[in-house]
Amino acid sequence: MKKKEKSIEIEVEREPESMLTKVKHKGVGKMSDRQLLVKMYEIFSPSGGEHAMVNFVSAYLTEKDIEHEIDSMGNIYCRNHIAGENRIIINAHMDTVASAPAKIVAEKTEDGDVHVKSSNNQVIGGDDKNGVFVALKLLTDKRIKQPLTILLCVA
């Protein structure tokens, strides 16, 4: 039996004459993995303009009750639930090299996979929003017994 994903409403809008992304975050901590990744792809976060992505990740961490710090540049620092020495640092960056917002399309293939791509030839930010996604999943995975520090960088 296939589990039906709940629809989470995340509004991603752009000013008509601007490439800035406004994101209203509610329910980001309750998204499926696919929804989380696609929503991150939808956020326009060019180098130096990652404010919406920083806000989105912060909302996710807050909803997951994970303490985190954001420095004056926008870098996010946090740790997983395991105390101790010999921490492993997981690092990813939140910026992309896109010149304009991507129009995200998710298509189901004949074999049941889902391919996510841009319909307007813009970068979707797989490098390194996939890394941000992996860091967030490692951070929230209670099965992990290794102390982790997460550093999500801008620019």
N, C-alpha and C. Protein backbone atom coordinates (compact mmCIF):
# COMPACT_ATOMS: atom_id res chain seq x y z
N MET A 1 0.84 -1.16 0.00
CA MET A 1 0.00 0.00 0.00
C MET A 1 0.90 1.23 0.00
N LYS A 2 0.65 2.15 -0.89
CA LYS A 2 1.46 3.35 -1.00
C LYS A 2 0.94 4.42 -0.05
N LYS A 3 1.85 4.99 0.72
CA LYS A 3 1.49 6.04 1.67
C LYS A 3 1.34 7.36 0.93
N LYS A 4 0.22 8.02 1.14
CA LYS A 4 -0.03 9.29 0.48
C LYS A 4 0.63 10.41 1.28
N GLU A 5 1.39 11.27 0.58
CA GLU A 5 2.04 12.39 1.24
C GLU A 5 1.02 13.49 1.51
N LYS A 6 1.12 14.07 2.70
CA LYS A 6 0.28 15.22 3.01
C LYS A 6 0.80 16.43 2.24
N SER A 7 -0.09 17.25 1.82
CA SER A 7 0.28 18.47 1.13
C SER A 7 0.65 19.54 2.15
N ILE A 8 1.81 20.09 2.02
CA ILE A 8 2.28 21.16 2.89
C ILE A 8 2.29 22.43 2.05
N GLU A 9 1.72 23.49 2.58
CA GLU A 9 1.69 24.72 1.83
C GLU A 9 2.87 25.60 2.16
N ILE A 10 3.70 25.82 1.17
CA ILE A 10 4.82 26.75 1.27
C ILE A 10 4.67 27.69 0.10
N GLU A 11 4.54 28.95 0.40
CA GLU A 11 4.41 29.92 -0.67
C GLU A 11 5.78 30.43 -1.06
N VAL A 12 6.09 30.34 -2.33
CA VAL A 12 7.32 30.89 -2.86
C VAL A 12 6.89 31.89 -3.92
N GLU A 13 7.18 33.15 -3.69
CA GLU A 13 6.77 34.17 -4.64
C GLU A 13 7.94 35.06 -4.96
N ARG A 14 7.84 35.71 -6.09
CA ARG A 14 8.89 36.64 -6.50
C ARG A 14 8.25 37.96 -6.86
N GLU A 15 8.92 39.04 -6.49
CA GLU A 15 8.46 40.36 -6.88
C GLU A 15 8.49 40.44 -8.40
N PRO A 16 7.52 41.10 -9.02
CA PRO A 16 7.48 41.18 -10.48
C PRO A 16 8.76 41.73 -11.11
N GLU A 17 9.37 42.73 -10.50
CA GLU A 17 10.56 43.35 -11.07
C GLU A 17 11.83 42.97 -10.31
N SER A 18 11.77 41.90 -9.54
CA SER A 18 12.91 41.53 -8.70
C SER A 18 13.15 40.03 -8.76
N MET A 19 14.38 39.64 -8.49
CA MET A 19 14.70 38.23 -8.39
C MET A 19 14.71 37.77 -6.95
N LEU A 20 14.39 38.67 -5.99
CA LEU A 20 14.36 38.29 -4.59
C LEU A 20 13.23 37.31 -4.34
N THR A 21 13.48 36.35 -3.48
CA THR A 21 12.48 35.34 -3.16
C THR A 21 11.93 35.61 -1.77
N LYS A 22 10.60 35.70 -1.66
CA LYS A 22 9.95 35.82 -0.35
C LYS A 22 9.41 34.44 -0.02
N VAL A 23 9.68 33.96 1.17
CA VAL A 23 9.22 32.63 1.55
C VAL A 23 8.45 32.73 2.85
N LYS A 24 7.23 32.23 2.86
CA LYS A 24 6.43 32.16 4.08
C LYS A 24 6.53 30.72 4.54
N HIS A 25 7.14 30.50 5.70
CA HIS A 25 7.41 29.15 6.18
C HIS A 25 6.39 28.72 7.22
N LYS A 26 5.71 27.66 6.92
CA LYS A 26 4.82 27.05 7.90
C LYS A 26 4.74 25.57 7.54
N GLY A 27 5.08 24.74 8.47
CA GLY A 27 5.01 23.30 8.22
C GLY A 27 6.22 22.71 7.54
N VAL A 28 7.34 23.44 7.47
CA VAL A 28 8.52 22.91 6.78
C VAL A 28 9.09 21.69 7.48
N GLY A 29 8.90 21.58 8.78
CA GLY A 29 9.41 20.43 9.51
C GLY A 29 8.58 19.18 9.31
N LYS A 30 7.42 19.31 8.68
CA LYS A 30 6.53 18.17 8.47
C LYS A 30 6.51 17.69 7.01
N MET A 31 7.40 18.22 6.21
CA MET A 31 7.45 17.84 4.79
C MET A 31 8.05 16.46 4.61
N SER A 32 7.65 15.81 3.54
CA SER A 32 8.33 14.58 3.13
C SER A 32 9.71 14.97 2.61
N ASP A 33 10.58 14.00 2.48
CA ASP A 33 11.92 14.29 1.96
C ASP A 33 11.85 14.93 0.58
N ARG A 34 11.00 14.41 -0.29
CA ARG A 34 10.87 14.96 -1.65
C ARG A 34 10.37 16.40 -1.60
N GLN A 35 9.36 16.67 -0.78
CA GLN A 35 8.84 18.03 -0.67
C GLN A 35 9.92 18.98 -0.17
N LEU A 36 10.68 18.55 0.82
CA LEU A 36 11.74 19.38 1.37
C LEU A 36 12.77 19.74 0.31
N LEU A 37 13.22 18.76 -0.43
CA LEU A 37 14.24 18.99 -1.44
C LEU A 37 13.71 19.88 -2.56
N VAL A 38 12.50 19.62 -3.04
CA VAL A 38 11.93 20.44 -4.11
C VAL A 38 11.74 21.88 -3.64
N LYS A 39 11.28 22.09 -2.41
CA LYS A 39 11.11 23.45 -1.91
C LYS A 39 12.44 24.18 -1.83
N MET A 40 13.50 23.47 -1.45
CA MET A 40 14.81 24.11 -1.43
C MET A 40 15.24 24.50 -2.84
N TYR A 41 14.97 23.64 -3.83
CA TYR A 41 15.30 23.98 -5.22
C TYR A 41 14.54 25.22 -5.68
N GLU A 42 13.32 25.40 -5.19
CA GLU A 42 12.49 26.52 -5.62
C GLU A 42 12.96 27.87 -5.07
N ILE A 43 13.79 27.84 -4.06
CA ILE A 43 14.24 29.10 -3.44
C ILE A 43 15.44 29.63 -4.22
N PHE A 44 15.30 30.82 -4.76
CA PHE A 44 16.39 31.47 -5.49
C PHE A 44 17.41 31.97 -4.47
N SER A 45 18.63 31.45 -4.54
CA SER A 45 19.65 31.79 -3.54
C SER A 45 21.02 32.01 -4.18
N PRO A 46 21.14 33.04 -5.00
CA PRO A 46 22.44 33.31 -5.62
C PRO A 46 23.45 33.74 -4.56
N SER A 47 24.73 33.59 -4.85
CA SER A 47 25.78 34.01 -3.92
C SER A 47 25.56 35.47 -3.52
N GLY A 48 25.51 35.69 -2.22
CA GLY A 48 25.26 37.03 -1.70
C GLY A 48 23.78 37.33 -1.50
N GLY A 49 22.91 36.45 -1.96
CA GLY A 49 21.47 36.66 -1.82
C GLY A 49 20.77 35.42 -1.29
N GLU A 50 21.37 34.79 -0.29
CA GLU A 50 20.85 33.53 0.25
C GLU A 50 19.86 33.71 1.38
N HIS A 51 19.39 34.95 1.63
CA HIS A 51 18.55 35.24 2.79
C HIS A 51 17.32 34.34 2.87
N ALA A 52 16.65 34.06 1.76
CA ALA A 52 15.45 33.21 1.80
C ALA A 52 15.81 31.77 2.16
N MET A 53 16.95 31.29 1.67
CA MET A 53 17.38 29.93 1.98
C MET A 53 17.77 29.82 3.46
N VAL A 54 18.47 30.82 3.98
CA VAL A 54 18.84 30.84 5.40
C VAL A 54 17.57 30.83 6.24
N ASN A 55 16.59 31.64 5.87
CA ASN A 55 15.32 31.71 6.59
C ASN A 55 14.60 30.36 6.55
N PHE A 56 14.58 29.72 5.40
CA PHE A 56 13.91 28.43 5.23
C PHE A 56 14.57 27.37 6.11
N VAL A 57 15.89 27.26 6.06
CA VAL A 57 16.61 26.26 6.85
C VAL A 57 16.42 26.54 8.34
N SER A 58 16.46 27.79 8.72
CA SER A 58 16.25 28.15 10.13
C SER A 58 14.84 27.74 10.58
N ALA A 59 13.84 27.95 9.74
CA ALA A 59 12.47 27.54 10.08
C ALA A 59 12.40 26.03 10.24
N TYR A 60 13.07 25.29 9.37
CA TYR A 60 13.10 23.83 9.45
C TYR A 60 13.72 23.39 10.78
N LEU A 61 14.87 23.95 11.10
CA LEU A 61 15.56 23.59 12.35
C LEU A 61 14.73 23.95 13.57
N THR A 62 14.09 25.10 13.54
CA THR A 62 13.23 25.54 14.64
C THR A 62 12.08 24.56 14.84
N GLU A 63 11.43 24.16 13.75
CA GLU A 63 10.31 23.21 13.85
C GLU A 63 10.76 21.84 14.32
N LYS A 64 12.01 21.52 14.11
CA LYS A 64 12.56 20.24 14.57
C LYS A 64 13.18 20.37 15.97
N ASP A 65 13.02 21.53 16.60
CA ASP A 65 13.58 21.82 17.94
C ASP A 65 15.09 21.65 17.99
N ILE A 66 15.77 22.10 16.96
CA ILE A 66 17.23 22.02 16.91
C ILE A 66 17.79 23.42 17.09
N GLU A 67 18.54 23.59 18.17
CA GLU A 67 19.17 24.89 18.42
C GLU A 67 20.20 25.15 17.33
N HIS A 68 20.22 26.38 16.87
CA HIS A 68 21.17 26.75 15.84
C HIS A 68 21.50 28.23 15.97
N GLU A 69 22.64 28.59 15.42
CA GLU A 69 23.08 29.98 15.41
C GLU A 69 23.27 30.41 13.97
N ILE A 70 22.96 31.67 13.72
CA ILE A 70 23.20 32.26 12.40
C ILE A 70 24.13 33.44 12.63
N ASP A 71 25.28 33.42 11.97
CA ASP A 71 26.22 34.53 12.17
C ASP A 71 25.83 35.73 11.32
N SER A 72 26.59 36.80 11.41
CA SER A 72 26.24 38.04 10.72
C SER A 72 26.28 37.91 9.19
N MET A 73 26.94 36.90 8.68
CA MET A 73 26.98 36.67 7.23
C MET A 73 25.79 35.83 6.75
N GLY A 74 25.23 35.04 7.66
CA GLY A 74 24.13 34.15 7.30
C GLY A 74 24.48 32.68 7.39
N ASN A 75 25.72 32.35 7.77
CA ASN A 75 26.11 30.96 7.96
C ASN A 75 25.36 30.37 9.15
N ILE A 76 24.96 29.12 9.04
CA ILE A 76 24.20 28.45 10.09
C ILE A 76 25.08 27.38 10.74
N TYR A 77 25.12 27.41 12.08
CA TYR A 77 25.88 26.45 12.86
C TYR A 77 24.92 25.69 13.77
N CYS A 78 25.07 24.37 13.85
CA CYS A 78 24.26 23.59 14.80
C CYS A 78 24.93 22.24 15.03
N ARG A 79 24.38 21.51 16.01
CA ARG A 79 24.89 20.19 16.37
C ARG A 79 23.74 19.21 16.46
N ASN A 80 24.06 17.94 16.30
CA ASN A 80 23.02 16.93 16.48
C ASN A 80 22.82 16.65 17.97
N HIS A 81 22.02 15.66 18.28
CA HIS A 81 21.60 15.35 19.64
C HIS A 81 22.66 14.61 20.47
N ILE A 82 23.80 14.28 19.89
CA ILE A 82 24.83 13.50 20.57
C ILE A 82 25.92 14.41 21.12
N ALA A 83 26.17 14.30 22.42
CA ALA A 83 27.25 15.05 23.06
C ALA A 83 28.54 14.26 22.91
N GLY A 84 29.65 14.95 23.06
CA GLY A 84 30.92 14.24 23.06
C GLY A 84 31.98 14.85 22.18
N GLU A 85 33.17 14.28 22.31
CA GLU A 85 34.33 14.71 21.54
C GLU A 85 34.31 14.05 20.17
N ASN A 86 35.35 14.30 19.40
CA ASN A 86 35.53 13.69 18.08
C ASN A 86 34.34 13.93 17.16
N ARG A 87 33.86 15.16 17.16
CA ARG A 87 32.74 15.52 16.31
C ARG A 87 33.17 15.52 14.85
N ILE A 88 32.29 15.09 14.00
CA ILE A 88 32.51 15.18 12.57
C ILE A 88 31.77 16.42 12.10
N ILE A 89 32.45 17.23 11.28
CA ILE A 89 31.82 18.43 10.74
C ILE A 89 31.28 18.13 9.36
N ILE A 90 30.00 18.40 9.18
CA ILE A 90 29.34 18.26 7.88
C ILE A 90 29.14 19.67 7.35
N ASN A 91 29.60 19.93 6.13
CA ASN A 91 29.53 21.26 5.56
C ASN A 91 28.86 21.22 4.20
N ALA A 92 28.01 22.21 3.94
CA ALA A 92 27.40 22.38 2.62
C ALA A 92 27.16 23.87 2.44
N HIS A 93 26.96 24.29 1.19
CA HIS A 93 26.69 25.72 0.96
C HIS A 93 25.28 25.91 0.43
N MET A 94 24.70 27.05 0.79
CA MET A 94 23.30 27.34 0.46
C MET A 94 23.13 28.20 -0.78
N ASP A 95 24.24 28.66 -1.37
CA ASP A 95 24.12 29.51 -2.56
C ASP A 95 24.17 28.69 -3.83
N THR A 96 23.72 29.30 -4.90
CA THR A 96 23.76 28.67 -6.22
C THR A 96 24.36 29.66 -7.22
N VAL A 97 24.65 29.18 -8.41
CA VAL A 97 25.22 30.03 -9.45
C VAL A 97 24.17 30.46 -10.47
N ALA A 98 22.91 30.29 -10.15
CA ALA A 98 21.83 30.65 -11.08
C ALA A 98 21.79 32.14 -11.31
N SER A 99 21.41 32.53 -12.53
CA SER A 99 21.28 33.94 -12.85
C SER A 99 19.85 34.43 -12.72
N ALA A 100 18.92 33.49 -12.56
CA ALA A 100 17.49 33.83 -12.40
C ALA A 100 16.82 32.65 -11.71
N PRO A 101 15.63 32.87 -11.15
CA PRO A 101 14.91 31.77 -10.50
C PRO A 101 14.56 30.65 -11.49
N ALA A 102 14.69 29.43 -11.02
CA ALA A 102 14.32 28.27 -11.83
C ALA A 102 12.83 27.99 -11.69
N LYS A 103 12.23 27.55 -12.77
CA LYS A 103 10.85 27.07 -12.71
C LYS A 103 10.94 25.55 -12.56
N ILE A 104 10.63 25.05 -11.37
CA ILE A 104 10.83 23.65 -11.04
C ILE A 104 9.68 22.79 -11.56
N VAL A 105 10.06 21.69 -12.19
CA VAL A 105 9.10 20.71 -12.69
C VAL A 105 9.53 19.34 -12.17
N ALA A 106 8.59 18.62 -11.58
CA ALA A 106 8.86 17.25 -11.14
C ALA A 106 8.06 16.32 -12.04
N GLU A 107 8.76 15.43 -12.74
CA GLU A 107 8.11 14.51 -13.67
C GLU A 107 8.34 13.08 -13.23
N LYS A 108 7.27 12.30 -13.24
CA LYS A 108 7.37 10.88 -12.92
C LYS A 108 7.75 10.13 -14.20
N THR A 109 8.75 9.27 -14.10
CA THR A 109 9.20 8.49 -15.25
C THR A 109 8.39 7.21 -15.36
N GLU A 110 8.56 6.52 -16.46
CA GLU A 110 7.84 5.25 -16.68
C GLU A 110 8.18 4.21 -15.61
N ASP A 111 9.41 4.24 -15.11
CA ASP A 111 9.82 3.26 -14.09
C ASP A 111 9.49 3.70 -12.67
N GLY A 112 8.76 4.83 -12.52
CA GLY A 112 8.31 5.26 -11.20
C GLY A 112 9.21 6.25 -10.49
N ASP A 113 10.38 6.53 -11.07
CA ASP A 113 11.26 7.54 -10.47
C ASP A 113 10.67 8.93 -10.70
N VAL A 114 11.14 9.89 -9.94
CA VAL A 114 10.74 11.28 -10.14
C VAL A 114 11.98 12.08 -10.50
N HIS A 115 11.92 12.76 -11.63
CA HIS A 115 13.02 13.62 -12.05
C HIS A 115 12.61 15.06 -11.81
N VAL A 116 13.46 15.80 -11.12
CA VAL A 116 13.21 17.21 -10.84
C VAL A 116 14.16 18.02 -11.71
N LYS A 117 13.60 18.98 -12.43
CA LYS A 117 14.44 19.79 -13.31
C LYS A 117 13.83 21.17 -13.48
N SER A 118 14.56 22.01 -14.19
CA SER A 118 14.10 23.36 -14.48
C SER A 118 13.48 23.37 -15.86
N SER A 119 12.34 24.05 -15.99
CA SER A 119 11.71 24.16 -17.31
C SER A 119 12.15 25.43 -18.04
N ASN A 120 12.98 26.25 -17.40
CA ASN A 120 13.41 27.49 -18.05
C ASN A 120 14.94 27.59 -18.17
N ASN A 121 15.60 26.45 -18.19
CA ASN A 121 17.06 26.38 -18.38
C ASN A 121 17.86 27.13 -17.33
N GLN A 122 17.34 27.23 -16.11
CA GLN A 122 18.09 27.81 -15.01
C GLN A 122 18.58 26.69 -14.09
N VAL A 123 19.61 26.98 -13.34
CA VAL A 123 20.18 26.02 -12.40
C VAL A 123 19.19 25.78 -11.27
N ILE A 124 18.96 24.52 -10.88
CA ILE A 124 18.04 24.23 -9.78
C ILE A 124 18.75 24.26 -8.43
N GLY A 125 20.05 24.30 -8.43
CA GLY A 125 20.79 24.40 -7.17
C GLY A 125 21.12 23.06 -6.55
N GLY A 126 21.15 21.99 -7.36
CA GLY A 126 21.49 20.68 -6.83
C GLY A 126 22.85 20.69 -6.15
N ASP A 127 23.77 21.52 -6.64
CA ASP A 127 25.04 21.77 -5.98
C ASP A 127 24.90 23.13 -5.33
N ASP A 128 24.61 23.20 -4.09
CA ASP A 128 24.81 22.18 -3.09
C ASP A 128 23.57 22.04 -2.21
N LYS A 129 22.39 22.30 -2.75
CA LYS A 129 21.18 22.12 -1.94
C LYS A 129 20.99 20.64 -1.61
N ASN A 130 21.53 19.76 -2.45
CA ASN A 130 21.52 18.34 -2.10
C ASN A 130 22.37 18.12 -0.84
N GLY A 131 23.48 18.81 -0.74
CA GLY A 131 24.33 18.72 0.45
C GLY A 131 23.64 19.27 1.69
N VAL A 132 22.91 20.37 1.54
CA VAL A 132 22.14 20.94 2.65
C VAL A 132 21.09 19.93 3.11
N PHE A 133 20.41 19.31 2.14
CA PHE A 133 19.40 18.30 2.43
C PHE A 133 20.00 17.14 3.24
N VAL A 134 21.14 16.63 2.78
CA VAL A 134 21.80 15.51 3.47
C VAL A 134 22.19 15.92 4.88
N ALA A 135 22.73 17.13 5.03
CA ALA A 135 23.12 17.61 6.37
C ALA A 135 21.91 17.67 7.29
N LEU A 136 20.78 18.18 6.80
CA LEU A 136 19.57 18.27 7.61
C LEU A 136 19.06 16.88 7.99
N LYS A 137 19.12 15.94 7.08
CA LYS A 137 18.65 14.58 7.37
C LYS A 137 19.57 13.90 8.38
N LEU A 138 20.88 14.09 8.26
CA LEU A 138 21.82 13.52 9.24
C LEU A 138 21.59 14.14 10.62
N LEU A 139 21.33 15.42 10.64
CA LEU A 139 21.11 16.16 11.88
C LEU A 139 19.89 15.67 12.63
N THR A 140 18.86 15.28 11.92
CA THR A 140 17.59 14.90 12.54
C THR A 140 17.42 13.39 12.71
N ASP A 141 18.38 12.62 12.24
CA ASP A 141 18.29 11.16 12.32
C ASP A 141 18.71 10.70 13.72
N LYS A 142 17.76 10.26 14.52
CA LYS A 142 18.03 9.84 15.91
C LYS A 142 18.80 8.52 15.98
N ARG A 143 18.93 7.81 14.86
CA ARG A 143 19.69 6.56 14.86
C ARG A 143 21.19 6.79 14.85
N ILE A 144 21.60 8.00 14.46
CA ILE A 144 23.03 8.31 14.38
C ILE A 144 23.58 8.51 15.79
N LYS A 145 24.67 7.84 16.08
CA LYS A 145 25.29 7.89 17.41
C LYS A 145 26.59 8.68 17.42
N GLN A 146 26.96 9.26 16.32
CA GLN A 146 28.19 10.03 16.19
C GLN A 146 27.90 11.51 16.43
N PRO A 147 28.70 12.19 17.27
CA PRO A 147 28.52 13.63 17.43
C PRO A 147 28.80 14.36 16.11
N LEU A 148 27.86 15.15 15.65
CA LEU A 148 28.00 15.89 14.40
C LEU A 148 27.85 17.38 14.64
N THR A 149 28.63 18.14 13.93
CA THR A 149 28.47 19.59 13.86
C THR A 149 28.14 19.90 12.40
N ILE A 150 27.14 20.74 12.21
CA ILE A 150 26.70 21.10 10.86
C ILE A 150 27.04 22.56 10.63
N LEU A 151 27.67 22.84 9.49
CA LEU A 151 27.97 24.20 9.08
C LEU A 151 27.40 24.38 7.68
N LEU A 152 26.41 25.24 7.57
CA LEU A 152 25.80 25.55 6.28
C LEU A 152 26.20 26.97 5.91
N CYS A 153 26.94 27.11 4.84
CA CYS A 153 27.57 28.38 4.49
C CYS A 153 26.84 29.14 3.38
N VAL A 154 27.06 30.45 3.39
CA VAL A 154 26.61 31.31 2.31
C VAL A 154 27.81 31.63 1.43
N ALA A 155 27.54 32.15 0.25
CA ALA A 155 28.58 32.62 -0.69
C ALA A 155 29.64 31.57 -0.96
